[in-house]
Amino acid sequence: MMSLGLSDFTDIESEETFSTNGFGNNILTVFEQIRREGKMCDVVLKVEGGQFSAHRIVLAASIPYFNSMFTTDMVEANMPVIPMQGIDVAALEAIINYAYSGRITLDITNVQSILVGANFLQLQNVKDYCCEFIKKRLHPTNCLGIRHFAELLMCGSLVEKANSFIEQRFLEVTKSQEYLQLSLDEVTDLLARNEINVSSEEQVFHAATVWIKEDPTERTKLMQELLQYIRLPLLRPQFLTDVVQMHHTVKTCLKCRDLVDKAKDYHLMPERRYEFPPNMVRPRCCTDVHTMIYAVGGLTSSGEALNIVEKYDPIVGRWVTVSSMKTCRSRVGVAVLAGQLYAVGGYDGSQRLKTVEMFSPDTNEWCDVKPMNMKRSALGCVALDGEIFVCGGFDGTSSQSSCEVYKPHTQTWELIKPMQKGRSAAAVGAFERNVYVLGGHDGLQIFNSVEYYVIEKNEWTMGVPMLTKRCRHGVATLRGILFVFGGYDGKKFLDSVELFDPVTCQWCFVAPMSMRRSRVGVSTSGGKIYALGGYDGCSNLSSVEVYDPETNTWKLGDRMWAHEGGVGVGAIALEPV
C-alpha cells in the first residue's frame, strides 16, 4: 500500500478522536427494536402471569442482578428460560424496558411493585427514584405503612423521611386508621420519641387513650405500659388530677396510680425535681419543624418608626418583604396565634398606640383587630393557650404594671391582674404554661427580677431572678429551657446570654453572642435560636446570628435587608417538606 507521508506535517496534531453524539442511546434503541421483533434473543424471563424475551448481554450490562447471574457459574447462566420469583409481572416488564431504554415511568399504581422489583434486582438508582416519588406523597394516613414497607426493603432515606414526617405531623397521624392498628411496641416507640411535634404533653396522653379506646377489651390492661412513656410530670396539676387520675383505665390500675402520684410530687416538691429521669421532665422538641420568621416594624437609623415587614425562610436562607402594616410601629409587641401574625401597640413616632392589626400569610394582607384597653409601647406580648397576653409597657407617662388578654373567640381584650412591678422594655415569654415577665425597667431602675402569671389562678408569683439586670432584651424557650439574650443593664449594652433550668431552678450563663445587642428580636426555628438586629451602643444592626444549644455555639446568619435596629419578631410554623 502506498504511504501518504502524513508524518511530514509536524505542525498538526498527530492524533484525533471521532465521537458520535448519542451513540449509546442509538444502539439501545436498535437493541430494543430487535427485541420487540423477537430476533437474536437468547433468554426468556418467566414470571407468574407472563414471560419476556431479552438479550443476556443487555441485561448483564444494565441490571446488577443479571450481571452476577450471567458472568459467574450460577446454574441459571446458561438456562434458556429463567423463572423469576418475588417480582410482579408488570414491574418486571417495566424494568426490562428500562434496561433497553434507560427510562421508567412511575405512578401511584405501580411504584410499590417497581420498588420491590428494583430492590430484588439490585437496581439502586431505580430504587432511589421510587423512594423519592413516594416521599412526595407522604400523608398522615399512609406514613406509618410506608415506613414499615421501607424498613422491610431497607430503604434508609425513605425510612428517615417517613419518621421525620410522622414526628412533625404527630397529631394528625394519631387520628389515622394506621395508628390505631399499631402494636404495643410500635405505639410505645412513637410515644417515647423526643422529636414528636406537640404543644403540650396532654396531647401525648390523649394519643395514648385514643389507641386504648380502639380495642378496650385487649388494650385497657396495657395503659400502665403507655404511661411510662408519657412525661407525666410535664402535665398541669389540674390535668393530672381531673383527667389522668379520673380516667377509667388509670383508676382501675394500681401501677398507673403510682405513676400519677409520683408525677404530682414533681409539682408539690420542686426541690426534688432533680431525682426524676431527665428525659421525663424535658418537653418534646421537634427540630425538624421550621418556622417562617417575621421581622415587624422597628426604627430606621435616624430613629423613625417603620411599618415594613419582612420574612425569613431558614430552609432557603432568604429574606423577602411582605405587605407593610397599616401603621408605623416601633417598640411593638408581636405574637402568633392560629397561624396569624399580630402586631400590638407600639410607637408611631408621635404617640403610643393601643391599636392592633393582624397579618394573614395566605392573603398577604393586614386587617384591623379590636384595640387594647390601654396605650402601650415597649410592651411584652406572647400567645399562650389560644389567647394573646400583653404585659406592662410605657403609656407615654410611666411604666405600666397592667396586663390584658385578647380572646379571639369573642374578639375582646380583658384586663387581668396587674404585675407586682411596673415594667417596660421587659422580655415576655410562655414557659411551663405560664406567662413569664423578665427584667425591664420602671423609669428609675432596671430589674433582674422575674415574675410569672398562672392563668388558672389569675395571680402573679415572683420567680428566680436573673443573674444580670436587663431591659430591651430578648427571650426564647427551647427544649424546656428559658433563655434571655442581650439587652441593657443601665451601664453597658450586653452580649451575654443566660438560661433558666426549671429542674435545677437556677440561672447560668452560656456562650455570649458575637456582638452586643439591645432591642434584640429573638425567634426559634429547627431547634435553633435566632437573634435579630438590635443596637450595640453605637449603631443599629441588621445582622443575625444563630445559637445552637446542642453545641453551645453561635454562627452568623443571613442579615435582614429591610430592617436595622429593634424589630418585633414572630414565627409561623412551615408545613413539612
Protein backbone atom coordinates (compact mmCIF):
# COMPACT_ATOMS: atom_id res chain seq x y z
CA MET A 1 0.00 0.00 0.00
CA MET A 2 1.27 3.44 -0.89
CA SER A 3 2.23 5.65 2.07
CA LEU A 4 0.53 9.04 2.33
CA GLY A 5 3.52 10.59 4.04
CA LEU A 6 1.39 12.28 6.73
CA SER A 7 4.23 12.16 9.25
CA ASP A 8 5.91 15.00 7.40
CA PHE A 9 3.34 17.55 8.68
CA THR A 10 4.76 18.09 12.17
CA ASP A 11 2.86 21.29 12.86
CA ILE A 12 -0.51 19.43 13.00
CA GLU A 13 -1.75 17.23 15.87
CA SER A 14 -0.78 13.63 15.23
CA GLU A 15 -3.97 12.13 16.77
CA GLU A 16 -7.71 12.94 16.76
CA THR A 17 -10.78 11.10 18.11
CA PHE A 18 -14.13 10.80 16.35
CA SER A 19 -17.22 10.66 18.60
CA THR A 20 -20.88 10.30 17.63
CA ASN A 21 -23.33 12.11 19.86
CA GLY A 22 -25.99 9.82 21.28
CA PHE A 23 -24.12 6.73 20.12
CA GLY A 24 -25.10 4.70 23.20
CA ASN A 25 -28.73 5.75 23.03
CA ASN A 26 -28.90 4.91 19.32
CA ILE A 27 -27.55 1.42 20.00
CA LEU A 28 -30.08 0.88 22.81
CA THR A 29 -32.88 1.95 20.51
CA VAL A 30 -31.76 -0.62 17.94
CA PHE A 31 -31.44 -3.30 20.63
CA GLU A 32 -34.99 -2.52 21.82
CA GLN A 33 -36.34 -2.76 18.26
CA ILE A 34 -34.59 -6.09 17.72
CA ARG A 35 -36.01 -7.43 20.99
CA ARG A 36 -39.54 -6.41 20.12
CA GLU A 37 -39.17 -8.23 16.81
CA GLY A 38 -38.02 -11.31 18.73
CA LYS A 39 -34.70 -11.50 16.92
CA MET A 40 -31.43 -12.77 18.41
CA CYS A 41 -32.96 -13.03 21.91
CA ASP A 42 -31.13 -15.68 23.93
CA VAL A 43 -33.04 -15.81 27.22
CA VAL A 44 -36.65 -15.83 28.42
CA LEU A 45 -37.57 -14.44 31.86
CA LYS A 46 -40.65 -16.22 33.12
CA VAL A 47 -42.80 -14.86 35.92
CA GLU A 48 -46.30 -15.67 37.10
CA GLY A 49 -48.62 -14.04 34.60
CA GLY A 50 -46.21 -13.71 31.70
CA GLN A 51 -42.78 -14.12 30.14
CA PHE A 52 -40.38 -11.81 28.32
CA SER A 53 -37.64 -12.44 25.75
CA ALA A 54 -34.39 -10.50 26.08
CA HIS A 55 -30.67 -10.45 25.35
CA ARG A 56 -28.33 -11.63 28.09
CA ILE A 57 -25.69 -9.07 27.16
CA VAL A 58 -28.12 -6.14 27.57
CA LEU A 59 -29.49 -7.44 30.87
CA ALA A 60 -25.98 -8.05 32.21
CA ALA A 61 -24.83 -4.58 31.18
CA SER A 62 -27.74 -2.72 32.79
CA ILE A 63 -29.01 -4.78 35.74
CA PRO A 64 -26.57 -5.85 38.52
CA TYR A 65 -28.58 -8.96 39.41
CA PHE A 66 -28.26 -10.35 35.87
CA ASN A 67 -24.65 -9.29 35.62
CA SER A 68 -23.87 -11.56 38.56
CA MET A 69 -26.04 -14.33 37.15
CA PHE A 70 -24.62 -14.37 33.60
CA THR A 71 -20.94 -13.72 34.36
CA THR A 72 -20.49 -16.37 37.06
CA ASP A 73 -21.07 -20.09 37.36
CA MET A 74 -24.65 -19.76 38.58
CA VAL A 75 -26.88 -22.55 37.28
CA GLU A 76 -29.12 -20.01 35.51
CA ALA A 77 -26.21 -18.65 33.47
CA ASN A 78 -26.94 -20.92 30.50
CA MET A 79 -30.63 -21.67 31.06
CA PRO A 80 -32.77 -20.64 28.06
CA VAL A 81 -35.77 -19.97 30.35
CA ILE A 82 -35.21 -18.45 33.79
CA PRO A 83 -38.06 -18.50 36.33
CA MET A 84 -38.29 -15.28 38.39
CA GLN A 85 -39.75 -15.27 41.89
CA GLY A 86 -40.75 -12.34 44.09
CA ILE A 87 -41.39 -9.85 41.34
CA ASP A 88 -44.62 -8.64 39.77
CA VAL A 89 -45.16 -9.23 36.04
CA ALA A 90 -45.81 -5.55 35.29
CA ALA A 91 -42.80 -4.49 37.34
CA LEU A 92 -40.55 -6.96 35.51
CA GLU A 93 -41.74 -5.68 32.15
CA ALA A 94 -41.11 -2.07 33.20
CA ILE A 95 -37.61 -2.91 34.41
CA ILE A 96 -36.72 -4.86 31.25
CA ASN A 97 -37.88 -1.89 29.21
CA TYR A 98 -35.69 0.30 31.42
CA ALA A 99 -32.70 -1.95 30.67
CA TYR A 100 -33.09 -1.15 26.97
CA SER A 101 -34.15 2.50 27.16
CA GLY A 102 -32.87 3.96 30.43
CA ARG A 103 -36.39 5.25 31.14
CA ILE A 104 -39.08 4.14 33.56
CA THR A 105 -42.44 5.77 34.30
CA LEU A 106 -43.86 5.66 37.84
CA ASP A 107 -47.38 6.26 39.04
CA ILE A 108 -49.25 5.59 42.27
CA THR A 109 -50.41 2.18 41.00
CA ASN A 110 -47.02 0.73 40.03
CA VAL A 111 -44.40 2.39 42.23
CA GLN A 112 -44.68 -0.17 45.03
CA SER A 113 -44.20 -3.18 42.78
CA ILE A 114 -41.40 -1.50 40.81
CA LEU A 115 -39.63 -0.63 44.08
CA VAL A 116 -39.88 -4.28 45.16
CA GLY A 117 -38.54 -5.39 41.78
CA ALA A 118 -35.73 -2.83 41.77
CA ASN A 119 -34.72 -3.93 45.25
CA PHE A 120 -34.70 -7.60 44.17
CA LEU A 121 -32.70 -6.89 41.01
CA GLN A 122 -30.28 -4.56 42.85
CA LEU A 123 -31.13 -1.55 40.70
CA GLN A 124 -30.18 1.10 43.25
CA ASN A 125 -30.82 4.11 41.01
CA VAL A 126 -34.38 2.96 40.24
CA LYS A 127 -34.90 2.09 43.89
CA ASP A 128 -33.80 5.58 44.90
CA TYR A 129 -36.08 7.16 42.32
CA CYS A 130 -39.04 5.18 43.61
CA CYS A 131 -38.27 6.34 47.15
CA GLU A 132 -38.17 9.98 46.05
CA PHE A 133 -41.52 9.51 44.28
CA ILE A 134 -43.06 8.11 47.49
CA LYS A 135 -41.55 10.81 49.73
CA LYS A 136 -43.50 13.46 47.84
CA ARG A 137 -46.73 11.61 48.58
CA LEU A 138 -46.39 11.03 52.31
CA HIS A 139 -49.62 11.78 54.17
CA PRO A 140 -50.76 11.36 57.79
CA THR A 141 -52.99 8.49 56.64
CA ASN A 142 -50.23 6.48 54.92
CA CYS A 143 -46.88 7.41 56.51
CA LEU A 144 -46.85 4.60 59.09
CA GLY A 145 -47.47 1.95 56.45
CA ILE A 146 -44.88 3.49 54.14
CA ARG A 147 -42.31 3.49 56.93
CA HIS A 148 -42.94 -0.21 57.61
CA PHE A 149 -42.67 -1.02 53.90
CA ALA A 150 -39.43 1.00 53.63
CA GLU A 151 -37.94 -0.80 56.62
CA LEU A 152 -38.64 -4.20 55.01
CA LEU A 153 -36.81 -3.16 51.84
CA MET A 154 -34.02 -1.39 53.76
CA CYS A 155 -34.76 1.96 52.08
CA GLY A 156 -32.88 4.08 54.60
CA SER A 157 -33.66 7.53 53.21
CA LEU A 158 -37.37 6.73 52.93
CA VAL A 159 -37.47 5.41 56.49
CA GLU A 160 -35.76 8.59 57.70
CA LYS A 161 -38.15 10.83 55.76
CA ALA A 162 -41.20 8.91 56.98
CA ASN A 163 -40.01 9.11 60.58
CA SER A 164 -39.47 12.84 60.27
CA PHE A 165 -42.92 13.26 58.70
CA ILE A 166 -44.55 11.17 61.46
CA GLU A 167 -42.89 13.26 64.16
CA GLN A 168 -43.79 16.58 62.54
CA ARG A 169 -47.42 15.60 61.88
CA PHE A 170 -47.85 13.52 65.05
CA LEU A 171 -51.31 14.80 65.97
CA GLU A 172 -52.72 14.13 62.51
CA VAL A 173 -51.05 10.71 62.36
CA THR A 174 -52.70 9.66 65.62
CA LYS A 175 -56.10 10.24 64.01
CA SER A 176 -55.38 7.74 61.22
CA GLN A 177 -56.52 4.14 60.98
CA GLU A 178 -52.91 3.04 60.60
CA TYR A 179 -52.10 4.45 64.03
CA LEU A 180 -54.99 2.62 65.65
CA GLN A 181 -53.72 -0.68 64.25
CA LEU A 182 -50.18 -0.33 65.62
CA SER A 183 -48.85 -2.92 68.05
CA LEU A 184 -47.98 -2.01 71.65
CA ASP A 185 -44.27 -1.87 70.84
CA GLU A 186 -44.89 0.39 67.86
CA VAL A 187 -47.05 2.77 69.89
CA THR A 188 -44.60 2.98 72.78
CA ASP A 189 -41.77 3.62 70.31
CA LEU A 190 -43.73 6.56 68.97
CA LEU A 191 -44.78 7.94 72.37
CA ALA A 192 -41.21 7.74 73.66
CA ARG A 193 -39.77 9.97 70.95
CA ASN A 194 -38.38 13.32 71.93
CA GLU A 195 -38.96 14.71 68.43
CA ILE A 196 -42.75 14.40 68.20
CA ASN A 197 -44.32 17.77 67.49
CA VAL A 198 -46.77 18.62 70.28
CA SER A 199 -47.58 21.85 72.07
CA SER A 200 -48.11 20.06 75.38
CA GLU A 201 -47.73 16.62 76.91
CA GLU A 202 -51.51 16.49 77.28
CA GLN A 203 -51.72 15.77 73.56
CA VAL A 204 -49.49 12.73 74.05
CA PHE A 205 -51.76 11.43 76.80
CA HIS A 206 -54.81 11.85 74.55
CA ALA A 207 -53.00 9.97 71.76
CA ALA A 208 -52.44 7.05 74.15
CA THR A 209 -56.08 6.94 75.24
CA VAL A 210 -57.28 7.01 71.61
CA TRP A 211 -55.21 3.88 70.89
CA ILE A 212 -56.59 2.18 74.03
CA LYS A 213 -60.16 3.05 73.06
CA GLU A 214 -59.84 1.31 69.67
CA ASP A 215 -59.78 -2.11 71.39
CA PRO A 216 -60.61 -1.60 75.07
CA THR A 217 -61.05 -5.29 75.81
CA GLU A 218 -57.45 -6.12 74.90
CA ARG A 219 -55.73 -2.78 75.46
CA THR A 220 -57.07 -1.43 78.75
CA LYS A 221 -54.60 -3.57 80.67
CA LEU A 222 -51.75 -2.01 78.64
CA MET A 223 -52.30 1.53 79.94
CA GLN A 224 -49.53 1.17 82.51
CA GLU A 225 -47.10 0.40 79.66
CA LEU A 226 -48.08 3.56 77.81
CA LEU A 227 -47.97 5.82 80.87
CA GLN A 228 -44.29 5.04 81.34
CA TYR A 229 -43.58 6.83 78.06
CA ILE A 230 -45.80 9.85 78.74
CA ARG A 231 -43.96 12.65 80.53
CA LEU A 232 -46.47 12.89 83.34
CA PRO A 233 -44.51 15.49 85.38
CA LEU A 234 -44.98 17.94 82.49
CA LEU A 235 -48.77 17.75 82.72
CA ARG A 236 -50.55 20.53 84.56
CA PRO A 237 -51.56 19.57 88.12
CA GLN A 238 -55.20 20.19 87.23
CA PHE A 239 -54.92 17.88 84.22
CA LEU A 240 -53.23 15.18 86.31
CA THR A 241 -56.00 15.33 88.90
CA ASP A 242 -59.08 15.95 86.78
CA VAL A 243 -58.27 13.97 83.62
CA VAL A 244 -55.47 11.43 84.06
CA GLN A 245 -56.30 10.32 87.57
CA MET A 246 -60.01 10.08 86.74
CA HIS A 247 -59.54 8.10 83.52
CA HIS A 248 -61.17 4.69 83.96
CA THR A 249 -58.06 2.81 82.81
CA VAL A 250 -55.97 4.60 85.43
CA LYS A 251 -58.48 4.29 88.26
CA THR A 252 -58.50 0.50 87.93
CA CYS A 253 -54.70 0.07 87.82
CA LEU A 254 -52.53 0.39 90.92
CA LYS A 255 -49.31 0.88 88.93
CA CYS A 256 -50.94 3.63 86.90
CA ARG A 257 -51.99 5.44 90.07
CA ASP A 258 -48.46 5.14 91.43
CA LEU A 259 -47.09 6.81 88.30
CA VAL A 260 -49.60 9.65 88.65
CA ASP A 261 -48.77 10.14 92.33
CA LYS A 262 -45.06 10.38 91.52
CA ALA A 263 -45.81 13.00 88.86
CA LYS A 264 -47.69 15.03 91.45
CA ASP A 265 -44.56 15.04 93.60
CA TYR A 266 -42.81 16.91 90.81
CA HIS A 267 -45.19 19.83 91.39
CA LEU A 268 -45.54 19.51 95.17
CA MET A 269 -41.81 19.19 95.92
CA PRO A 270 -39.83 21.17 93.34
CA GLU A 271 -36.64 20.77 95.39
CA ARG A 272 -36.69 17.07 94.44
CA ARG A 273 -37.12 17.50 90.72
CA TYR A 274 -33.51 16.52 90.10
CA GLU A 275 -34.45 12.97 91.13
CA PHE A 276 -36.59 12.49 88.02
CA PRO A 277 -35.01 10.99 84.88
CA PRO A 278 -34.00 13.91 82.60
CA ASN A 279 -35.93 12.56 79.61
CA MET A 280 -39.18 12.61 81.63
CA VAL A 281 -39.02 16.26 82.64
CA ARG A 282 -37.89 17.85 79.36
CA PRO A 283 -40.56 18.96 76.88
CA ARG A 284 -40.53 17.38 73.44
CA CYS A 285 -38.73 19.33 70.74
CA CYS A 286 -39.23 18.57 67.07
CA THR A 287 -36.12 20.09 65.49
CA ASP A 288 -37.42 19.23 62.01
CA VAL A 289 -40.17 21.83 62.43
CA HIS A 290 -39.03 25.06 60.82
CA THR A 291 -40.73 28.39 61.08
CA MET A 292 -41.07 31.42 58.85
CA ILE A 293 -39.55 34.25 60.90
CA TYR A 294 -41.15 37.69 60.55
CA ALA A 295 -39.39 40.96 61.41
CA VAL A 296 -42.03 43.61 62.09
CA GLY A 297 -41.73 47.39 62.27
CA GLY A 298 -38.92 48.91 64.31
CA LEU A 299 -36.82 52.00 63.78
CA THR A 300 -34.78 53.49 60.96
CA SER A 301 -31.17 54.53 61.60
CA SER A 302 -32.48 58.07 62.09
CA GLY A 303 -34.98 56.94 64.73
CA GLU A 304 -38.19 56.98 62.68
CA ALA A 305 -40.83 54.27 63.16
CA LEU A 306 -41.32 51.71 60.37
CA ASN A 307 -44.29 49.81 59.02
CA ILE A 308 -42.12 47.48 56.90
CA VAL A 309 -42.36 43.70 57.42
CA GLU A 310 -40.03 41.06 56.02
CA LYS A 311 -39.91 37.31 56.46
CA TYR A 312 -37.09 34.79 56.55
CA ASP A 313 -37.27 31.20 55.38
CA PRO A 314 -34.49 29.27 57.16
CA ILE A 315 -34.72 26.42 54.66
CA VAL A 316 -33.83 28.56 51.63
CA GLY A 317 -31.90 31.15 53.65
CA ARG A 318 -33.51 34.28 52.23
CA TRP A 319 -35.31 37.41 53.48
CA VAL A 320 -38.19 38.85 51.43
CA THR A 321 -40.60 41.67 52.18
CA VAL A 322 -44.33 41.12 52.60
CA SER A 323 -47.18 43.62 52.87
CA SER A 324 -46.44 46.51 55.20
CA MET A 325 -48.55 47.25 58.25
CA LYS A 326 -51.14 49.96 58.03
CA THR A 327 -49.42 51.82 60.89
CA CYS A 328 -45.76 52.52 61.60
CA ARG A 329 -44.79 50.78 64.83
CA SER A 330 -41.57 50.74 66.81
CA ARG A 331 -41.25 49.04 70.22
CA VAL A 332 -44.14 46.87 69.02
CA GLY A 333 -45.41 43.65 70.58
CA VAL A 334 -45.69 40.68 68.23
CA ALA A 335 -47.43 37.33 68.74
CA VAL A 336 -48.54 34.42 66.55
CA LEU A 337 -51.94 32.84 67.08
CA ALA A 338 -53.54 30.18 64.87
CA GLY A 339 -51.05 30.86 62.07
CA GLN A 340 -51.76 34.61 62.04
CA LEU A 341 -49.29 37.35 62.97
CA TYR A 342 -50.44 40.06 65.39
CA ALA A 343 -48.77 43.46 65.77
CA VAL A 344 -49.82 45.01 69.07
CA GLY A 345 -49.40 48.60 70.25
CA GLY A 346 -46.04 50.32 69.85
CA TYR A 347 -44.99 53.88 68.99
CA ASP A 348 -45.71 55.52 65.63
CA GLY A 349 -43.28 58.41 66.02
CA SER A 350 -45.70 60.77 67.73
CA GLN A 351 -47.85 58.74 70.12
CA ARG A 352 -48.12 55.43 71.95
CA LEU A 353 -50.64 53.08 70.40
CA LYS A 354 -53.35 50.77 71.58
CA THR A 355 -54.31 49.68 68.08
CA VAL A 356 -53.77 46.11 66.89
CA GLU A 357 -53.55 44.62 63.41
CA MET A 358 -53.31 41.06 62.13
CA PHE A 359 -51.43 39.62 59.14
CA SER A 360 -52.60 36.55 57.21
CA PRO A 361 -49.79 34.79 55.29
CA ASP A 362 -52.34 33.20 52.96
CA THR A 363 -53.66 36.53 51.68
CA ASN A 364 -50.58 38.68 52.39
CA GLU A 365 -52.87 41.28 53.94
CA TRP A 366 -53.15 43.16 57.23
CA CYS A 367 -56.50 43.84 58.86
CA ASP A 368 -57.50 45.75 61.99
CA VAL A 369 -58.26 43.95 65.22
CA LYS A 370 -60.08 45.39 68.21
CA PRO A 371 -57.67 47.72 70.07
CA MET A 372 -56.36 47.14 73.58
CA ASN A 373 -57.80 48.92 76.58
CA MET A 374 -54.61 50.92 77.12
CA LYS A 375 -51.89 52.56 75.03
CA ARG A 376 -48.59 50.67 75.26
CA SER A 377 -45.15 50.81 73.68
CA ALA A 378 -42.16 48.70 74.79
CA LEU A 379 -44.69 46.11 75.89
CA GLY A 380 -44.33 42.38 76.31
CA CYS A 381 -46.53 40.17 74.17
CA VAL A 382 -46.97 36.39 73.90
CA ALA A 383 -49.55 33.82 72.76
CA LEU A 384 -50.49 31.01 75.14
CA ASP A 385 -53.41 28.56 75.20
CA GLY A 386 -55.14 30.21 72.25
CA GLU A 387 -55.02 33.75 73.68
CA ILE A 388 -52.65 36.73 73.49
CA PHE A 389 -51.26 38.23 76.68
CA VAL A 390 -49.73 41.73 76.85
CA CYS A 391 -47.84 42.87 79.92
CA GLY A 392 -46.67 46.29 81.03
CA GLY A 393 -45.14 48.78 78.62
CA PHE A 394 -44.92 52.56 78.52
CA ASP A 395 -48.01 54.73 78.03
CA GLY A 396 -46.14 57.99 77.46
CA THR A 397 -46.03 58.88 81.13
CA SER A 398 -44.91 55.85 83.15
CA SER A 399 -44.10 52.17 83.04
CA GLN A 400 -47.20 50.06 83.45
CA SER A 401 -47.96 47.09 85.69
CA SER A 402 -51.29 46.47 83.99
CA CYS A 403 -51.85 43.41 81.77
CA GLU A 404 -54.58 42.32 79.43
CA VAL A 405 -55.53 39.30 77.34
CA TYR A 406 -57.05 39.04 73.87
CA LYS A 407 -59.70 36.34 73.44
CA PRO A 408 -60.10 35.64 69.73
CA HIS A 409 -63.39 33.73 70.04
CA THR A 410 -65.07 36.87 71.41
CA GLN A 411 -62.63 39.36 69.82
CA THR A 412 -62.30 41.20 73.12
CA TRP A 413 -59.48 42.46 75.32
CA GLU A 414 -59.90 41.86 79.06
CA LEU A 415 -57.78 43.28 81.86
CA ILE A 416 -56.25 40.69 84.16
CA LYS A 417 -54.48 41.04 87.49
CA PRO A 418 -51.57 43.51 87.23
CA MET A 419 -47.95 42.57 87.77
CA GLN A 420 -46.25 43.25 91.08
CA LYS A 421 -43.99 45.82 89.40
CA GLY A 422 -44.47 48.35 86.64
CA ARG A 423 -42.27 47.16 83.75
CA SER A 424 -41.48 48.46 80.30
CA ALA A 425 -38.90 47.00 77.87
CA ALA A 426 -39.24 43.67 79.69
CA ALA A 427 -38.95 40.29 77.97
CA VAL A 428 -42.14 38.23 77.96
CA GLY A 429 -42.41 34.56 77.05
CA ALA A 430 -44.52 31.46 77.55
CA PHE A 431 -42.78 28.93 79.80
CA GLU A 432 -44.16 25.90 81.61
CA ARG A 433 -47.65 27.01 80.54
CA ASN A 434 -47.29 30.30 82.40
CA VAL A 435 -46.61 33.85 81.20
CA TYR A 436 -43.11 34.89 82.29
CA VAL A 437 -42.04 38.54 82.52
CA LEU A 438 -38.31 39.07 82.94
CA GLY A 439 -36.43 42.24 83.81
CA GLY A 440 -37.40 45.55 82.27
CA HIS A 441 -37.39 48.94 83.99
CA ASP A 442 -39.78 51.34 85.73
CA GLY A 443 -38.09 54.54 84.58
CA LEU A 444 -35.87 54.70 87.65
CA GLN A 445 -34.22 51.30 87.87
CA ILE A 446 -33.54 48.26 85.71
CA PHE A 447 -34.60 44.89 87.10
CA ASN A 448 -33.21 41.38 87.18
CA SER A 449 -36.40 40.17 88.86
CA VAL A 450 -38.78 37.68 87.27
CA GLU A 451 -42.47 37.16 87.82
CA TYR A 452 -44.90 34.79 86.17
CA TYR A 453 -48.65 34.69 85.70
CA VAL A 454 -50.58 31.50 86.45
CA ILE A 455 -53.62 31.60 84.19
CA GLU A 456 -55.81 29.24 86.23
CA LYS A 457 -55.29 31.28 89.41
CA ASN A 458 -55.19 34.76 87.85
CA GLU A 459 -52.21 35.60 90.04
CA TRP A 460 -48.59 36.66 89.73
CA THR A 461 -45.73 34.90 91.53
CA MET A 462 -42.12 36.02 91.86
CA GLY A 463 -39.65 33.68 90.16
CA VAL A 464 -35.92 33.14 90.45
CA PRO A 465 -34.16 36.41 89.49
CA MET A 466 -31.78 36.53 86.54
CA LEU A 467 -28.05 36.84 87.12
CA THR A 468 -27.98 40.19 85.29
CA LYS A 469 -30.19 43.27 85.26
CA ARG A 470 -31.65 43.61 81.78
CA CYS A 471 -34.07 45.72 79.78
CA ARG A 472 -34.65 45.73 76.00
CA HIS A 473 -33.53 42.08 75.91
CA GLY A 474 -34.91 39.05 74.08
CA VAL A 475 -36.37 35.79 75.34
CA ALA A 476 -36.95 32.31 73.92
CA THR A 477 -37.91 28.88 75.19
CA LEU A 478 -36.48 25.71 73.71
CA ARG A 479 -36.36 22.11 74.97
CA GLY A 480 -37.91 23.12 78.29
CA ILE A 481 -35.25 25.78 78.93
CA LEU A 482 -35.79 29.55 79.21
CA PHE A 483 -33.14 31.75 77.51
CA VAL A 484 -32.59 35.52 77.70
CA PHE A 485 -30.37 37.45 75.29
CA GLY A 486 -28.53 40.74 75.41
CA GLY A 487 -30.22 43.96 76.48
CA TYR A 488 -29.00 46.92 78.53
CA ASP A 489 -28.11 46.92 82.24
CA GLY A 490 -28.01 50.70 82.80
CA LYS A 491 -24.28 50.99 82.19
CA LYS A 492 -23.46 48.88 79.17
CA PHE A 493 -25.04 47.10 76.25
CA LEU A 494 -24.92 43.35 76.64
CA ASP A 495 -23.85 40.36 74.57
CA SER A 496 -24.37 37.91 77.42
CA VAL A 497 -26.88 35.06 77.37
CA GLU A 498 -28.25 33.15 80.33
CA LEU A 499 -30.66 30.26 80.71
CA PHE A 500 -33.02 29.05 83.40
CA ASP A 501 -33.38 25.33 84.02
CA PRO A 502 -36.64 24.51 85.86
CA VAL A 503 -35.23 21.20 87.10
CA THR A 504 -32.36 22.84 89.00
CA CYS A 505 -34.28 26.13 89.46
CA GLN A 506 -31.09 28.01 88.61
CA TRP A 507 -29.83 30.52 86.05
CA CYS A 508 -26.45 30.08 84.38
CA PHE A 509 -24.52 31.82 81.61
CA VAL A 510 -23.97 30.18 78.22
CA ALA A 511 -21.94 31.27 75.20
CA PRO A 512 -22.36 35.02 74.54
CA MET A 513 -23.46 36.47 71.23
CA SER A 514 -20.75 37.72 68.87
CA MET A 515 -21.84 41.33 69.44
CA ARG A 516 -23.77 43.42 71.93
CA ARG A 517 -27.47 43.67 71.18
CA SER A 518 -30.17 45.62 72.97
CA ARG A 519 -33.69 45.77 71.48
CA VAL A 520 -32.83 42.36 70.05
CA GLY A 521 -35.54 40.28 68.39
CA VAL A 522 -35.49 36.55 69.13
CA SER A 523 -37.14 33.54 67.50
CA THR A 524 -36.70 29.77 67.30
CA SER A 525 -36.69 27.50 64.25
CA GLY A 526 -35.45 23.98 63.64
CA GLY A 527 -34.11 23.53 67.16
CA LYS A 528 -32.01 26.71 66.97
CA ILE A 529 -32.47 30.27 68.25
CA TYR A 530 -32.16 33.34 66.02
CA ALA A 531 -31.08 36.74 67.41
CA LEU A 532 -32.09 39.53 65.02
CA GLY A 533 -30.86 43.09 64.79
CA GLY A 534 -30.72 45.35 67.83
CA TYR A 535 -28.49 48.23 68.92
CA ASP A 536 -24.87 47.78 70.04
CA GLY A 537 -24.43 51.17 71.71
CA CYS A 538 -23.13 52.84 68.57
CA SER A 539 -25.33 51.79 65.67
CA ASN A 540 -28.43 49.87 64.72
CA LEU A 541 -27.83 46.33 63.49
CA SER A 542 -29.24 44.39 60.54
CA SER A 543 -27.11 41.32 61.30
CA VAL A 544 -28.49 38.00 62.51
CA GLU A 545 -26.78 35.25 64.47
CA VAL A 546 -27.93 31.73 65.29
CA TYR A 547 -27.45 29.79 68.53
CA ASP A 548 -27.21 26.01 68.62
CA PRO A 549 -27.99 24.74 72.15
CA GLU A 550 -26.57 21.32 71.31
CA THR A 551 -23.07 22.72 70.84
CA ASN A 552 -23.46 25.98 72.81
CA THR A 553 -22.13 27.90 69.81
CA TRP A 554 -23.15 30.89 67.69
CA LYS A 555 -22.75 31.44 63.96
CA LEU A 556 -23.65 34.34 61.71
CA GLY A 557 -26.96 34.08 59.86
CA ASP A 558 -28.42 35.87 56.86
CA ARG A 559 -28.78 39.59 57.61
CA MET A 560 -32.09 41.37 57.27
CA TRP A 561 -32.49 43.51 54.16
CA ALA A 562 -35.28 45.92 55.09
CA HIS A 563 -34.61 46.39 58.80
CA GLU A 564 -31.97 47.57 61.19
CA GLY A 565 -32.24 48.14 64.91
CA GLY A 566 -35.02 46.83 67.11
CA VAL A 567 -37.78 44.81 65.46
CA GLY A 568 -40.78 42.90 66.68
CA VAL A 569 -40.44 39.21 65.86
CA GLY A 570 -42.93 36.41 65.29
CA ALA A 571 -42.60 32.91 63.83
CA ILE A 572 -45.17 30.83 61.94
CA ALA A 573 -44.60 27.09 61.51
CA LEU A 574 -43.91 25.82 57.98
CA GLU A 575 -45.52 22.72 56.53
CA PRO A 576 -43.19 19.67 56.35
CA VAL A 577 -41.14 19.45 53.15
